[in-house]
Every structure is written in C-alpha cells, then in structure tokens.
C-alpha atoms as a PDB file:
ATOM      1  CA  MET A   1     -14.466  30.729 -18.439  1.00  0.00           C
ATOM      2  CA  GLU A   2     -11.865  30.160 -21.387  1.00  0.00           C
ATOM      3  CA  PRO A   3     -10.173  26.599 -20.982  1.00  0.00           C
ATOM      4  CA  SER A   4      -6.925  28.604 -21.663  1.00  0.00           C
ATOM      5  CA  THR A   5      -7.465  30.491 -18.138  1.00  0.00           C
ATOM      6  CA  VAL A   6      -8.081  27.192 -16.576  1.00  0.00           C
ATOM      7  CA  PRO A   7      -4.974  25.752 -14.833  1.00  0.00           C
ATOM      8  CA  GLY A   8      -4.449  22.202 -16.179  1.00  0.00           C
ATOM      9  CA  THR A   9      -6.622  22.368 -19.304  1.00  0.00           C
ATOM     10  CA  GLU A  10      -3.424  23.426 -21.611  1.00  0.00           C
ATOM     11  CA  GLY A  11      -3.452  21.232 -24.757  1.00  0.00           C
ATOM     12  CA  TYR A  12      -7.208  19.518 -24.188  1.00  0.00           C
ATOM     13  CA  ALA A  13      -9.328  21.883 -26.062  1.00  0.00           C
ATOM     14  CA  ASP A  14      -6.504  21.787 -28.898  1.00  0.00           C
ATOM     15  CA  ASN A  15      -6.729  17.981 -29.278  1.00  0.00           C
ATOM     16  CA  ALA A  16     -10.304  17.173 -28.459  1.00  0.00           C
ATOM     17  CA  GLY A  17     -11.564  15.253 -31.145  1.00  0.00           C
ATOM     18  CA  GLN A  18      -8.562  12.504 -30.773  1.00  0.00           C
ATOM     19  CA  LEU A  19      -9.031  12.598 -26.987  1.00  0.00           C
ATOM     20  CA  ILE A  20     -12.712  12.354 -27.016  1.00  0.00           C
ATOM     21  CA  ALA A  21     -12.419   8.962 -29.066  1.00  0.00           C
ATOM     22  CA  ARG A  22      -9.529   7.742 -26.738  1.00  0.00           C
ATOM     23  CA  TYR A  23     -11.840   8.512 -23.550  1.00  0.00           C
ATOM     24  CA  ASP A  24     -14.561   6.862 -25.052  1.00  0.00           C
ATOM     25  CA  SER A  25     -12.881   3.724 -25.658  1.00  0.00           C
ATOM     26  CA  VAL A  26     -11.799   3.143 -21.691  1.00  0.00           C
ATOM     27  CA  ALA A  27     -14.585   0.794 -20.083  1.00  0.00           C
ATOM     28  CA  PHE A  28     -15.268   2.240 -16.537  1.00  0.00           C
ATOM     29  CA  LEU A  29     -15.086  -1.008 -14.751  1.00  0.00           C
ATOM     30  CA  GLU A  30     -11.761  -1.731 -16.498  1.00  0.00           C
ATOM     31  CA  LYS A  31     -10.349   1.493 -15.486  1.00  0.00           C
ATOM     32  CA  TYR A  32     -11.917   1.537 -11.998  1.00  0.00           C
ATOM     33  CA  ARG A  33     -11.225  -2.003 -11.029  1.00  0.00           C
ATOM     34  CA  PRO A  34      -8.275  -0.843  -8.369  1.00  0.00           C
ATOM     35  CA  VAL A  35     -11.257   0.536  -6.571  1.00  0.00           C
ATOM     36  CA  ALA A  36     -14.426  -0.834  -7.523  1.00  0.00           C
ATOM     37  CA  HIS A  37     -15.260  -2.707  -4.542  1.00  0.00           C
ATOM     38  CA  LEU A  38     -15.226   0.432  -2.554  1.00  0.00           C
ATOM     39  CA  LEU A  39     -17.809   2.515  -4.589  1.00  0.00           C
ATOM     40  CA  PRO A  40     -20.975   2.945  -3.010  1.00  0.00           C
ATOM     41  CA  THR A  41     -23.593   0.299  -3.970  1.00  0.00           C
ATOM     42  CA  ARG A  42     -26.821   2.448  -2.692  1.00  0.00           C
ATOM     43  CA  ALA A  43     -28.204   5.451  -4.578  1.00  0.00           C
ATOM     44  CA  SER A  44     -25.463   8.342  -4.019  1.00  0.00           C
ATOM     45  CA  SER A  45     -24.844  11.914  -4.793  1.00  0.00           C
ATOM     46  CA  VAL A  46     -21.821  11.844  -6.796  1.00  0.00           C
ATOM     47  CA  LEU A  47     -19.463  14.961  -7.949  1.00  0.00           C
ATOM     48  CA  ASP A  48     -17.053  13.661 -10.795  1.00  0.00           C
ATOM     49  CA  ILE A  49     -14.472  16.959 -11.173  1.00  0.00           C
ATOM     50  CA  GLY A  50     -12.841  17.002 -14.438  1.00  0.00           C
ATOM     51  CA  ALA A  51     -15.489  14.507 -16.044  1.00  0.00           C
ATOM     52  CA  GLY A  52     -14.049  15.067 -19.521  1.00  0.00           C
ATOM     53  CA  THR A  53     -16.766  13.573 -22.118  1.00  0.00           C
ATOM     54  CA  GLY A  54     -18.674  12.021 -19.222  1.00  0.00           C
ATOM     55  CA  GLY A  55     -18.034   8.264 -19.581  1.00  0.00           C
ATOM     56  CA  ASP A  56     -17.347   7.611 -15.796  1.00  0.00           C
ATOM     57  CA  ALA A  57     -20.117   9.802 -14.800  1.00  0.00           C
ATOM     58  CA  ALA A  58     -22.807   8.280 -17.241  1.00  0.00           C
ATOM     59  CA  CYS A  59     -21.568   4.757 -15.565  1.00  0.00           C
ATOM     60  CA  LEU A  60     -22.191   6.109 -12.338  1.00  0.00           C
ATOM     61  CA  ALA A  61     -25.670   7.461 -13.099  1.00  0.00           C
ATOM     62  CA  SER A  62     -26.547   3.810 -14.618  1.00  0.00           C
ATOM     63  CA  LEU A  63     -25.789   2.554 -11.424  1.00  0.00           C
ATOM     64  CA  GLY A  64     -28.456   4.635  -9.630  1.00  0.00           C
ATOM     65  CA  HIS A  65     -26.295   7.683  -8.436  1.00  0.00           C
ATOM     66  CA  THR A  66     -27.536  11.268  -8.563  1.00  0.00           C
ATOM     67  CA  VAL A  67     -24.234  12.667 -10.550  1.00  0.00           C
ATOM     68  CA  VAL A  68     -22.966  16.143 -11.188  1.00  0.00           C
ATOM     69  CA  ALA A  69     -20.325  16.208 -14.008  1.00  0.00           C
ATOM     70  CA  LEU A  70     -17.912  19.100 -13.242  1.00  0.00           C
ATOM     71  CA  GLU A  71     -15.871  19.893 -16.502  1.00  0.00           C
ATOM     72  CA  PRO A  72     -13.919  23.120 -17.742  1.00  0.00           C
ATOM     73  CA  VAL A  73     -13.243  21.993 -21.170  1.00  0.00           C
ATOM     74  CA  ALA A  74     -15.948  23.129 -23.487  1.00  0.00           C
ATOM     75  CA  ALA A  75     -15.587  20.509 -26.376  1.00  0.00           C
ATOM     76  CA  PHE A  76     -15.509  17.938 -23.582  1.00  0.00           C
ATOM     77  CA  ARG A  77     -18.806  19.087 -21.908  1.00  0.00           C
ATOM     78  CA  ALA A  78     -20.481  19.517 -25.555  1.00  0.00           C
ATOM     79  CA  ALA A  79     -19.450  15.719 -26.574  1.00  0.00           C
ATOM     80  CA  GLY A  80     -20.375  14.415 -22.991  1.00  0.00           C
ATOM     81  CA  MET A  81     -23.925  16.225 -23.160  1.00  0.00           C
ATOM     82  CA  LYS A  82     -24.476  14.766 -26.731  1.00  0.00           C
ATOM     83  CA  ALA A  83     -23.249  11.167 -25.923  1.00  0.00           C
ATOM     84  CA  HIS A  84     -25.055  10.992 -22.799  1.00  0.00           C
ATOM     85  CA  ALA A  85     -27.948  12.682 -23.040  1.00  0.00           C
ATOM     86  CA  PRO A  86     -30.409  10.142 -21.691  1.00  0.00           C
ATOM     87  CA  ALA A  87     -28.053   9.780 -18.370  1.00  0.00           C
ATOM     88  CA  ASN A  88     -29.428  11.637 -15.382  1.00  0.00           C
ATOM     89  CA  ILE A  89     -26.025  13.802 -15.248  1.00  0.00           C
ATOM     90  CA  GLU A  90     -25.839  17.694 -14.617  1.00  0.00           C
ATOM     91  CA  TRP A  91     -23.024  19.490 -16.530  1.00  0.00           C
ATOM     92  CA  VAL A  92     -20.985  22.280 -14.271  1.00  0.00           C
ATOM     93  CA  ASN A  93     -18.275  24.318 -16.193  1.00  0.00           C
ATOM     94  CA  ASP A  94     -16.266  24.751 -13.017  1.00  0.00           C
ATOM     95  CA  SER A  95     -12.746  23.846 -12.492  1.00  0.00           C
ATOM     96  CA  LEU A  96      -9.746  23.360  -9.597  1.00  0.00           C
ATOM     97  CA  PRO A  97      -8.621  24.758  -7.325  1.00  0.00           C
ATOM     98  CA  ALA A  98     -11.232  27.177  -6.302  1.00  0.00           C
ATOM     99  CA  LEU A  99     -14.319  25.116  -7.447  1.00  0.00           C
ATOM    100  CA  SER A 100     -16.190  28.479  -7.094  1.00  0.00           C
ATOM    101  CA  ALA A 101     -19.286  27.629  -8.757  1.00  0.00           C
ATOM    102  CA  ILE A 102     -19.921  24.024  -7.321  1.00  0.00           C
ATOM    103  CA  GLY A 103     -18.620  25.508  -3.811  1.00  0.00           C
ATOM    104  CA  ALA A 104     -21.268  28.450  -3.920  1.00  0.00           C
ATOM    105  CA  ARG A 105     -24.152  25.506  -3.920  1.00  0.00           C
ATOM    106  CA  GLN A 106     -22.905  24.442  -0.482  1.00  0.00           C
ATOM    107  CA  THR A 107     -24.011  21.098  -1.390  1.00  0.00           C
ATOM    108  CA  ARG A 108     -22.001  18.063   0.174  1.00  0.00           C
ATOM    109  CA  TYR A 109     -21.492  14.802  -1.653  1.00  0.00           C
ATOM    110  CA  ASP A 110     -21.679  10.910  -0.796  1.00  0.00           C
ATOM    111  CA  LEU A 111     -18.815  10.382  -3.648  1.00  0.00           C
ATOM    112  CA  ILE A 112     -15.792  12.909  -5.288  1.00  0.00           C
ATOM    113  CA  VAL A 113     -14.482  11.262  -8.167  1.00  0.00           C
ATOM    114  CA  LEU A 114     -10.994  12.999  -9.460  1.00  0.00           C
ATOM    115  CA  ALA A 115      -9.858  10.471 -12.263  1.00  0.00           C
ATOM    116  CA  ALA A 116      -6.579  11.784 -14.010  1.00  0.00           C
ATOM    117  CA  VAL A 117      -7.034  15.266 -12.868  1.00  0.00           C
ATOM    118  CA  TRP A 118      -4.723  15.939  -9.838  1.00  0.00           C
ATOM    119  CA  MET A 119      -1.711  15.633 -11.733  1.00  0.00           C
ATOM    120  CA  HIS A 120      -2.705  18.780 -13.917  1.00  0.00           C
ATOM    121  CA  LEU A 121      -2.182  21.098 -10.887  1.00  0.00           C
ATOM    122  CA  ALA A 122       0.881  22.763  -9.335  1.00  0.00           C
ATOM    123  CA  ALA A 123       1.851  22.374  -5.576  1.00  0.00           C
ATOM    124  CA  GLU A 124      -0.037  25.446  -4.390  1.00  0.00           C
ATOM    125  CA  GLU A 125      -3.015  24.842  -6.538  1.00  0.00           C
ATOM    126  CA  ARG A 126      -3.193  21.131  -5.114  1.00  0.00           C
ATOM    127  CA  MET A 127      -3.114  22.725  -1.558  1.00  0.00           C
ATOM    128  CA  GLU A 128      -5.908  24.882  -2.233  1.00  0.00           C
ATOM    129  CA  ALA A 129      -7.964  22.390  -4.058  1.00  0.00           C
ATOM    130  CA  MET A 130      -7.812  19.762  -1.297  1.00  0.00           C
ATOM    131  CA  GLY A 131      -9.488  22.125   1.187  1.00  0.00           C
ATOM    132  CA  ASN A 132     -12.220  22.868  -1.124  1.00  0.00           C
ATOM    133  CA  ILE A 133     -12.692  19.237  -2.137  1.00  0.00           C
ATOM    134  CA  SER A 134     -13.065  18.217   1.397  1.00  0.00           C
ATOM    135  CA  ILE A 135     -15.488  20.755   2.432  1.00  0.00           C
ATOM    136  CA  LEU A 136     -17.836  19.575  -0.246  1.00  0.00           C
ATOM    137  CA  LEU A 137     -17.895  15.883   1.076  1.00  0.00           C
ATOM    138  CA  LYS A 138     -20.453  14.655   3.614  1.00  0.00           C
ATOM    139  CA  PRO A 139     -18.998  13.023   6.924  1.00  0.00           C
ATOM    140  CA  GLY A 140     -18.174   9.439   5.986  1.00  0.00           C
ATOM    141  CA  ALA A 141     -18.099   9.919   2.385  1.00  0.00           C
ATOM    142  CA  MET A 142     -15.332   8.786   0.123  1.00  0.00           C
ATOM    143  CA  LEU A 143     -12.997  10.684  -2.346  1.00  0.00           C
ATOM    144  CA  VAL A 144     -11.539   8.564  -4.946  1.00  0.00           C
ATOM    145  CA  MET A 145      -8.459   9.804  -6.980  1.00  0.00           C
ATOM    146  CA  SER A 146      -5.987   8.578  -9.510  1.00  0.00           C
ATOM    147  CA  LEU A 147      -2.753  10.129 -10.222  1.00  0.00           C
ATOM    148  CA  ARG A 148      -0.842   9.586 -13.572  1.00  0.00           C
ATOM    149  CA  HIS A 149       3.049   8.547 -13.401  1.00  0.00           C
ATOM    150  CA  GLY A 150       5.344   8.787 -16.269  1.00  0.00           C
ATOM    151  CA  PRO A 151       6.034  10.659 -19.388  1.00  0.00           C
ATOM    152  CA  ALA A 152       3.634  13.786 -20.246  1.00  0.00           C
ATOM    153  CA  PRO A 153       2.070  13.928 -23.989  1.00  0.00           C
ATOM    154  CA  GLU A 154       3.494  16.831 -25.289  1.00  0.00           C
ATOM    155  CA  GLY A 155       1.885  20.395 -24.833  1.00  0.00           C
ATOM    156  CA  ARG A 156       0.142  19.029 -21.481  1.00  0.00           C
ATOM    157  CA  ARG A 157       0.732  20.349 -18.351  1.00  0.00           C
ATOM    158  CA  ILE A 158       1.393  17.521 -15.841  1.00  0.00           C
ATOM    159  CA  PHE A 159       3.462  17.524 -12.777  1.00  0.00           C
ATOM    160  CA  ASP A 160       4.984  14.702 -10.781  1.00  0.00           C
ATOM    161  CA  VAL A 161       2.772  14.036  -8.029  1.00  0.00           C
ATOM    162  CA  SER A 162       3.535  10.963  -5.398  1.00  0.00           C
ATOM    163  CA  ALA A 163       0.777   9.039  -3.718  1.00  0.00           C
ATOM    164  CA  SER A 164       2.298   9.410  -0.460  1.00  0.00           C
ATOM    165  CA  GLU A 165       2.629  13.846  -0.684  1.00  0.00           C
ATOM    166  CA  THR A 166      -1.280  13.520  -1.972  1.00  0.00           C
ATOM    167  CA  ALA A 167      -2.351  11.452   0.883  1.00  0.00           C
ATOM    168  CA  GLU A 168      -0.213  13.847   3.377  1.00  0.00           C
ATOM    169  CA  LEU A 169      -2.175  16.547   1.951  1.00  0.00           C
ATOM    170  CA  ALA A 170      -5.407  14.771   2.280  1.00  0.00           C
ATOM    171  CA  MET A 171      -4.898  14.050   5.649  1.00  0.00           C
ATOM    172  CA  ARG A 172      -4.381  17.510   6.695  1.00  0.00           C
ATOM    173  CA  HIS A 173      -8.042  17.935   5.372  1.00  0.00           C
ATOM    174  CA  GLN A 174      -9.617  15.545   7.696  1.00  0.00           C
ATOM    175  CA  LEU A 175      -9.331  12.832   5.103  1.00  0.00           C
ATOM    176  CA  LYS A 176      -8.349   9.376   6.199  1.00  0.00           C
ATOM    177  CA  VAL A 177      -6.567   7.104   3.546  1.00  0.00           C
ATOM    178  CA  ILE A 178      -8.340   3.775   3.091  1.00  0.00           C
ATOM    179  CA  LEU A 179      -6.756   2.425   0.049  1.00  0.00           C
ATOM    180  CA  ASN A 180      -3.212   3.404  -1.873  1.00  0.00           C
ATOM    181  CA  THR A 181      -2.546   0.909  -4.807  1.00  0.00           C
ATOM    182  CA  GLN A 182      -0.453   0.943  -8.065  1.00  0.00           C
ATOM    183  CA  ALA A 183      -2.407  -0.025 -11.504  1.00  0.00           C
ATOM    184  CA  PRO A 184      -1.121  -0.184 -15.072  1.00  0.00           C
ATOM    185  CA  SER A 185      -2.689   2.026 -17.632  1.00  0.00           C
ATOM    186  CA  VAL A 186      -5.839   0.516 -19.113  1.00  0.00           C
ATOM    187  CA  GLN A 187      -4.876   2.406 -22.159  1.00  0.00           C
ATOM    188  CA  LEU A 188      -2.228   0.269 -24.491  1.00  0.00           C
ATOM    189  CA  GLN A 189      -0.574   3.698 -25.877  1.00  0.00           C
ATOM    190  CA  ASN A 190       0.062   4.463 -22.437  1.00  0.00           C
ATOM    191  CA  ARG A 191       1.268   1.566 -21.227  1.00  0.00           C
ATOM    192  CA  GLN A 192       3.996   1.414 -24.047  1.00  0.00           C
ATOM    193  CA  ALA A 193       4.820   4.791 -23.216  1.00  0.00           C
ATOM    194  CA  GLY A 194       5.279   3.350 -19.686  1.00  0.00           C
ATOM    195  CA  VAL A 195       2.419   5.316 -17.919  1.00  0.00           C
ATOM    196  CA  SER A 196       1.316   3.799 -14.665  1.00  0.00           C
ATOM    197  CA  TRP A 197      -1.378   4.916 -11.809  1.00  0.00           C
ATOM    198  CA  SER A 198      -1.699   5.503  -8.064  1.00  0.00           C
ATOM    199  CA  TRP A 199      -5.371   5.058  -7.255  1.00  0.00           C
ATOM    200  CA  LEU A 200      -6.021   6.678  -3.741  1.00  0.00           C
ATOM    201  CA  VAL A 201      -9.463   6.320  -1.665  1.00  0.00           C
ATOM    202  CA  PHE A 202     -10.067   8.675   1.303  1.00  0.00           C
ATOM    203  CA  GLU A 203     -13.003   8.822   3.958  1.00  0.00           C
ATOM    204  CA  LYS A 204     -13.996  12.199   5.480  1.00  0.00           C
END
C-alpha cells in the first residue's frame, strides 16, 4: 500500500528524514509519564498502531512484552527495523481505519497503543477504527491513546478531536474509561507552538 493512499499519512513520507530524528529524540518514559503507572508489568502481547520509527515498540519489547509494530509509512518502517533490529518486534504494513492485515490474523492483544495517531483520522474513519480496535483487545485488556491539541504542522492532515468525544465513542464499543488526563508536549518545538496532549486509557 503506498503511503499516499493511507488516510492520515499525508506529509510524513516527504519529511521522513527530519521526523525520524525528532521521534528518536523523545524518551519513552518521559512521553508516557501520564500513563506509565497503568502499563502492564507482566509479559504481555502488545500492538503499537502507528508505530513510527519504533521507539515505543522497542522500549515495550525491552520490558519483556511481545510487540507487533504496525506502521503504513515505508520510510518509518525501514528506519525502525534498522534502528531496533535486536528488539523482539514484528513489523507489519497496515493502517487505520480498516486494520485489514492485522484483523485477518484474529489475534487478540493485552495492550494496544495509539500514540499521536487518532487525530489524523476524519470522524467517519474514527468511528470505523474504534470498532476494529475494540475487536483486537482481549477482555480486560487496555487501550492507551494520546490526542494532539494545537496548531497543525503544514501539510499534515490533523483534525480537532476532543478527549470527551473519543471517550464517548470508545464507550459505545465496550471500552471503559480508566484515565483521562492532559499533559504538555515533551518536545520543546511543540510546546513553543502551543501543542498539548490528552492521554486516555480504556479497559475492554
């Protein structure tokens, strides 16, 4: 699947070199501080949707989890495979909202992570995606999401999505809200531009 055909990936492939360096500079524990206390401590099956260059996936794998990194942008997958080759990560070319490749496996996960992904989807895509994500969660499993708020970078497809709207949609798909909190961006460039984040955690 070519990146240009995947909703929400506009502007990423063209700026891959610059973005890879920025993504790799963000420490996992710093980024996930608002939700770190809720992440599973026992070895779990994890799906990282929109894994980018794999920094989050590699950290989760280092904690003993079995991680599938799903990323539609070929340049990001290639960079991630190279940078995190020793890590126990399976890379998959798939995308929201359909999640057709990963859905066809009929595998269920203990944890699904969507960091900085959801706001790239239009309203009708978010409705389809939430249903497809919920199906992939085991009973009692968790979904962790972050939503960007603030000005969008030029050429990027970003929608203004609220935490309350996202929580409401999740609840319609048997997902219970266990955390809804706000946090500043960990990237100085974003903070200076007025970017902040909502972090949401749901239980199936």
